[in-house]
Amino acid sequence: MGLQGNTNAVSVKELVDLIFTSHRITRQDQQTLMNALLSKDSLTMEEHLLIDRVFDGLRRGLLRVVD
């Protein structure tokens, strides 16, 4: 899975789509999303909502974390 380093709008959307298609997220995927949230680059509202959706899916047990 994992799109590394590049966290623009397209890559965040692609990564989230891959995560929800497979119902799995890697530690690298988690790190990429956290880096996007913590980066100095501003995220769009859509990107924030997509990332929030992933973390909500993790909390609700809809996604499985794999290494």
N, C-alpha and C. Protein backbone atom coordinates (compact mmCIF):
# COMPACT_ATOMS: atom_id res chain seq x y z
N MET A 1 0.85 -1.16 0.00
CA MET A 1 0.00 0.00 0.00
C MET A 1 0.89 1.21 0.00
N GLY A 2 1.03 2.00 0.86
CA GLY A 2 1.80 3.14 1.22
C GLY A 2 2.31 4.07 0.14
N LEU A 3 1.77 5.26 0.08
CA LEU A 3 2.34 6.33 -0.70
C LEU A 3 3.21 7.11 0.26
N GLN A 4 4.50 7.11 0.02
CA GLN A 4 5.41 7.68 1.00
C GLN A 4 5.82 9.08 0.62
N GLY A 5 5.85 9.97 1.63
CA GLY A 5 6.41 11.28 1.45
C GLY A 5 5.51 12.27 0.75
N ASN A 6 4.85 11.89 -0.31
CA ASN A 6 4.05 12.81 -1.09
C ASN A 6 2.63 12.85 -0.54
N THR A 7 2.27 13.98 0.07
CA THR A 7 0.97 14.05 0.73
C THR A 7 0.10 15.14 0.12
N ASN A 8 0.13 15.31 -1.20
CA ASN A 8 -0.76 16.28 -1.81
C ASN A 8 -2.17 15.71 -1.88
N ALA A 9 -3.12 16.50 -2.36
CA ALA A 9 -4.53 16.10 -2.32
C ALA A 9 -4.77 14.78 -3.04
N VAL A 10 -4.16 14.58 -4.18
CA VAL A 10 -4.37 13.34 -4.94
C VAL A 10 -3.82 12.15 -4.18
N SER A 11 -2.61 12.25 -3.63
CA SER A 11 -2.02 11.10 -2.96
C SER A 11 -2.75 10.75 -1.67
N VAL A 12 -3.24 11.75 -0.93
CA VAL A 12 -4.01 11.45 0.28
C VAL A 12 -5.28 10.71 -0.12
N LYS A 13 -5.95 11.18 -1.14
CA LYS A 13 -7.18 10.52 -1.59
C LYS A 13 -6.88 9.11 -2.08
N GLU A 14 -5.83 8.94 -2.86
CA GLU A 14 -5.47 7.61 -3.35
C GLU A 14 -5.14 6.66 -2.21
N LEU A 15 -4.39 7.15 -1.23
CA LEU A 15 -4.03 6.33 -0.09
C LEU A 15 -5.27 5.92 0.70
N VAL A 16 -6.16 6.85 0.96
CA VAL A 16 -7.38 6.54 1.70
C VAL A 16 -8.24 5.55 0.92
N ASP A 17 -8.33 5.74 -0.40
CA ASP A 17 -9.08 4.79 -1.22
C ASP A 17 -8.50 3.38 -1.13
N LEU A 18 -7.17 3.28 -1.19
CA LEU A 18 -6.52 1.97 -1.07
C LEU A 18 -6.77 1.34 0.30
N ILE A 19 -6.71 2.15 1.33
CA ILE A 19 -6.92 1.65 2.70
C ILE A 19 -8.33 1.09 2.84
N PHE A 20 -9.33 1.83 2.37
CA PHE A 20 -10.71 1.36 2.54
C PHE A 20 -11.07 0.25 1.57
N THR A 21 -10.41 0.18 0.44
CA THR A 21 -10.65 -0.93 -0.49
C THR A 21 -10.15 -2.24 0.10
N SER A 22 -8.99 -2.18 0.75
CA SER A 22 -8.39 -3.40 1.32
C SER A 22 -8.81 -3.65 2.77
N HIS A 23 -9.40 -2.65 3.41
CA HIS A 23 -9.75 -2.72 4.84
C HIS A 23 -8.52 -2.95 5.70
N ARG A 24 -7.35 -2.54 5.19
CA ARG A 24 -6.10 -2.70 5.93
C ARG A 24 -5.27 -1.43 5.80
N ILE A 25 -4.50 -1.16 6.84
CA ILE A 25 -3.61 -0.01 6.83
C ILE A 25 -2.26 -0.47 7.39
N THR A 26 -1.20 -0.05 6.75
CA THR A 26 0.14 -0.40 7.25
C THR A 26 0.60 0.69 8.21
N ARG A 27 1.62 0.35 8.98
CA ARG A 27 2.22 1.36 9.87
C ARG A 27 2.75 2.53 9.05
N GLN A 28 3.29 2.24 7.86
CA GLN A 28 3.81 3.31 7.00
C GLN A 28 2.67 4.21 6.52
N ASP A 29 1.52 3.61 6.20
CA ASP A 29 0.35 4.41 5.80
C ASP A 29 -0.06 5.34 6.95
N GLN A 30 -0.10 4.79 8.17
CA GLN A 30 -0.44 5.61 9.33
C GLN A 30 0.54 6.76 9.50
N GLN A 31 1.81 6.46 9.34
CA GLN A 31 2.84 7.48 9.49
C GLN A 31 2.70 8.55 8.41
N THR A 32 2.41 8.15 7.19
CA THR A 32 2.22 9.10 6.10
C THR A 32 1.06 10.05 6.40
N LEU A 33 -0.04 9.50 6.90
CA LEU A 33 -1.20 10.34 7.22
C LEU A 33 -0.90 11.26 8.41
N MET A 34 -0.20 10.75 9.41
CA MET A 34 0.17 11.59 10.56
C MET A 34 1.11 12.71 10.11
N ASN A 35 2.07 12.39 9.25
CA ASN A 35 2.98 13.41 8.74
C ASN A 35 2.22 14.49 7.96
N ALA A 36 1.22 14.08 7.21
CA ALA A 36 0.40 15.04 6.47
C ALA A 36 -0.31 15.98 7.43
N LEU A 37 -0.85 15.42 8.51
CA LEU A 37 -1.56 16.24 9.50
C LEU A 37 -0.62 17.20 10.23
N LEU A 38 0.60 16.76 10.48
CA LEU A 38 1.55 17.55 11.26
C LEU A 38 2.46 18.43 10.41
N SER A 39 2.38 18.30 9.09
CA SER A 39 3.28 19.05 8.22
C SER A 39 2.91 20.53 8.22
N LYS A 40 3.87 21.32 7.82
CA LYS A 40 3.64 22.76 7.73
C LYS A 40 2.78 23.11 6.52
N ASP A 41 2.71 22.21 5.55
CA ASP A 41 1.87 22.44 4.38
C ASP A 41 0.41 22.35 4.82
N SER A 42 -0.39 23.27 4.36
CA SER A 42 -1.79 23.24 4.77
C SER A 42 -2.55 22.20 3.95
N LEU A 43 -3.40 21.46 4.62
CA LEU A 43 -4.24 20.47 3.97
C LEU A 43 -5.59 21.09 3.66
N THR A 44 -6.22 20.60 2.64
CA THR A 44 -7.56 21.07 2.32
C THR A 44 -8.55 20.45 3.31
N MET A 45 -9.73 21.00 3.34
CA MET A 45 -10.79 20.45 4.20
C MET A 45 -11.09 19.01 3.80
N GLU A 46 -11.08 18.73 2.49
CA GLU A 46 -11.34 17.37 2.00
C GLU A 46 -10.28 16.40 2.53
N GLU A 47 -9.01 16.81 2.51
CA GLU A 47 -7.93 15.96 3.00
C GLU A 47 -8.09 15.69 4.49
N HIS A 48 -8.44 16.72 5.25
CA HIS A 48 -8.68 16.53 6.69
C HIS A 48 -9.81 15.53 6.92
N LEU A 49 -10.88 15.66 6.17
CA LEU A 49 -12.02 14.75 6.33
C LEU A 49 -11.64 13.31 5.96
N LEU A 50 -10.85 13.16 4.91
CA LEU A 50 -10.42 11.82 4.51
C LEU A 50 -9.56 11.17 5.59
N ILE A 51 -8.62 11.93 6.12
CA ILE A 51 -7.75 11.40 7.17
C ILE A 51 -8.55 11.10 8.44
N ASP A 52 -9.47 11.98 8.78
CA ASP A 52 -10.35 11.72 9.93
C ASP A 52 -11.15 10.44 9.74
N ARG A 53 -11.58 10.20 8.51
CA ARG A 53 -12.34 8.98 8.20
C ARG A 53 -11.51 7.73 8.46
N VAL A 54 -10.23 7.79 8.10
CA VAL A 54 -9.34 6.64 8.33
C VAL A 54 -9.19 6.39 9.82
N PHE A 55 -8.88 7.43 10.58
CA PHE A 55 -8.68 7.24 12.02
C PHE A 55 -9.97 6.83 12.72
N ASP A 56 -11.10 7.30 12.22
CA ASP A 56 -12.38 6.84 12.76
C ASP A 56 -12.58 5.35 12.44
N GLY A 57 -12.21 4.94 11.23
CA GLY A 57 -12.30 3.53 10.86
C GLY A 57 -11.43 2.66 11.74
N LEU A 58 -10.25 3.16 12.11
CA LEU A 58 -9.37 2.43 13.02
C LEU A 58 -10.02 2.29 14.40
N ARG A 59 -10.55 3.39 14.90
CA ARG A 59 -11.18 3.37 16.24
C ARG A 59 -12.38 2.42 16.28
N ARG A 60 -13.12 2.37 15.19
CA ARG A 60 -14.33 1.54 15.15
C ARG A 60 -14.04 0.09 14.78
N GLY A 61 -12.79 -0.23 14.48
CA GLY A 61 -12.43 -1.60 14.15
C GLY A 61 -12.77 -2.00 12.72
N LEU A 62 -12.99 -1.02 11.86
CA LEU A 62 -13.31 -1.33 10.47
C LEU A 62 -12.07 -1.60 9.62
N LEU A 63 -10.91 -1.18 10.14
CA LEU A 63 -9.65 -1.37 9.44
C LEU A 63 -8.72 -2.21 10.29
N ARG A 64 -7.95 -3.04 9.64
CA ARG A 64 -6.98 -3.87 10.33
C ARG A 64 -5.59 -3.32 10.07
N VAL A 65 -4.80 -3.18 11.13
CA VAL A 65 -3.44 -2.69 11.01
C VAL A 65 -2.53 -3.88 10.69
N VAL A 66 -1.75 -3.75 9.62
CA VAL A 66 -0.81 -4.79 9.22
C VAL A 66 0.57 -4.18 9.09
N ASP A 67 1.59 -5.01 9.19
CA ASP A 67 2.97 -4.51 9.05
C ASP A 67 3.54 -4.86 7.72
